[in-house]
């Protein structure tokens, strides 16, 4: 189910991302490094940030309103939030489960 939800959301929202956005389908560390090399040449310093602990700060009501602009099915939107998120094979610190 999670994979189906990911595929639907990706098909809707991936085209909205600018060409400079990486870390999504078909892009990642290597594509962003190529882009940096093309734009800036040789760089000696890079800053890396771990934003995983920031996910809980996302305004769910705002996110739902964004989804409603493209998805006209409240049950599908609810499935996005009730699917939960597993890190590895265990419930990690980023596991989200809504009440059913």
Protein backbone atom coordinates (compact mmCIF):
# COMPACT_ATOMS: atom_id res chain seq x y z
CA UNK A 1 0.00 0.00 0.00
CA UNK A 2 2.79 2.44 0.90
CA UNK A 3 4.44 1.94 -2.48
CA UNK A 4 1.16 2.65 -4.28
CA UNK A 5 0.68 5.84 -2.26
CA UNK A 6 4.26 6.90 -3.00
CA UNK A 7 3.77 6.31 -6.72
CA UNK A 8 0.56 8.36 -6.84
CA UNK A 9 2.01 11.27 -4.84
CA UNK A 10 5.21 11.21 -6.88
CA UNK A 11 3.30 11.32 -10.17
CA UNK A 12 1.35 14.36 -8.95
CA UNK A 13 4.06 16.37 -7.21
CA UNK A 14 7.39 15.43 -8.81
CA UNK A 15 6.77 17.63 -11.88
CA UNK A 16 6.27 20.58 -9.50
CA UNK A 17 9.84 20.43 -8.20
CA UNK A 18 12.41 22.68 -9.88
CA UNK A 19 15.24 21.15 -11.89
CA UNK A 20 17.62 22.13 -9.10
CA UNK A 21 15.83 19.84 -6.63
CA UNK A 22 17.51 16.51 -5.90
CA UNK A 23 17.00 13.59 -3.47
CA UNK A 24 13.88 12.37 -5.23
CA UNK A 25 13.10 9.73 -7.85
CA UNK A 26 15.95 9.33 -10.31
CA UNK A 27 18.13 11.83 -8.47
CA UNK A 28 20.26 11.79 -5.37
CA UNK A 29 23.73 12.45 -4.03
CA UNK A 30 25.49 11.87 -7.34
CA UNK A 31 23.19 14.09 -9.39
CA UNK A 32 23.47 16.97 -6.93
CA UNK A 33 27.26 16.65 -6.85
CA UNK A 34 27.37 16.74 -10.67
CA UNK A 35 25.18 19.84 -10.63
CA UNK A 36 27.43 21.55 -8.07
CA UNK A 37 30.50 20.75 -10.17
CA UNK A 38 28.80 22.14 -13.30
CA UNK A 39 27.66 25.33 -11.57
CA UNK A 40 30.56 26.09 -9.24
CA UNK A 41 33.49 24.07 -10.53
CA UNK A 42 35.75 22.65 -7.85
CA UNK A 43 34.57 23.19 -4.29
CA UNK A 44 36.53 22.45 -1.16
CA UNK A 45 33.77 22.75 1.42
CA UNK A 46 30.28 21.36 1.70
CA UNK A 47 27.82 21.50 4.55
CA UNK A 48 25.61 18.53 5.27
CA UNK A 49 22.46 18.79 7.35
CA UNK A 50 20.38 16.00 8.85
CA UNK A 51 16.79 17.21 8.76
CA UNK A 52 15.10 13.94 9.74
CA UNK A 53 14.34 15.16 13.26
CA UNK A 54 12.51 18.16 11.77
CA UNK A 55 9.74 16.15 10.12
CA UNK A 56 7.51 16.34 13.21
CA UNK A 57 7.41 20.14 12.81
CA UNK A 58 5.60 19.95 9.46
CA UNK A 59 2.13 21.46 9.76
CA UNK A 60 -0.13 18.50 8.92
CA UNK A 61 -3.15 20.75 8.33
CA UNK A 62 -1.20 22.75 5.75
CA UNK A 63 0.02 19.54 4.12
CA UNK A 64 -3.54 18.19 3.94
CA UNK A 65 -4.75 21.43 2.35
CA UNK A 66 -1.98 21.13 -0.27
CA UNK A 67 -3.01 17.53 -0.98
CA UNK A 68 -6.66 18.59 -1.32
CA UNK A 69 -5.71 20.94 -4.18
CA UNK A 70 -4.77 17.93 -6.33
CA UNK A 71 -6.48 14.94 -4.70
CA UNK A 72 -10.28 15.02 -4.52
CA UNK A 73 -10.62 11.94 -2.33
CA UNK A 74 -10.53 12.36 1.48
CA UNK A 75 -10.06 8.59 1.97
CA UNK A 76 -6.90 8.62 -0.16
CA UNK A 77 -5.51 11.58 1.77
CA UNK A 78 -6.25 9.80 5.06
CA UNK A 79 -4.38 6.72 3.79
CA UNK A 80 -1.27 8.86 3.31
CA UNK A 81 -1.29 9.66 7.02
CA UNK A 82 -2.49 6.29 8.32
CA UNK A 83 0.07 4.22 6.41
CA UNK A 84 2.74 5.04 9.00
CA UNK A 85 6.44 5.31 8.38
CA UNK A 86 8.91 2.58 9.26
CA UNK A 87 12.65 3.13 9.46
CA UNK A 88 14.44 -0.13 8.66
CA UNK A 89 12.58 -3.13 10.00
CA UNK A 90 11.70 -1.58 13.34
CA UNK A 91 9.58 1.30 14.51
CA UNK A 92 12.12 4.09 14.44
CA UNK A 93 11.99 7.57 15.91
CA UNK A 94 10.15 8.74 12.79
CA UNK A 95 7.29 6.25 12.92
CA UNK A 96 3.97 8.01 12.44
CA UNK A 97 0.66 6.23 12.95
CA UNK A 98 -2.66 8.03 12.98
CA UNK A 99 -5.62 6.82 15.01
CA UNK A 100 -8.08 4.71 13.06
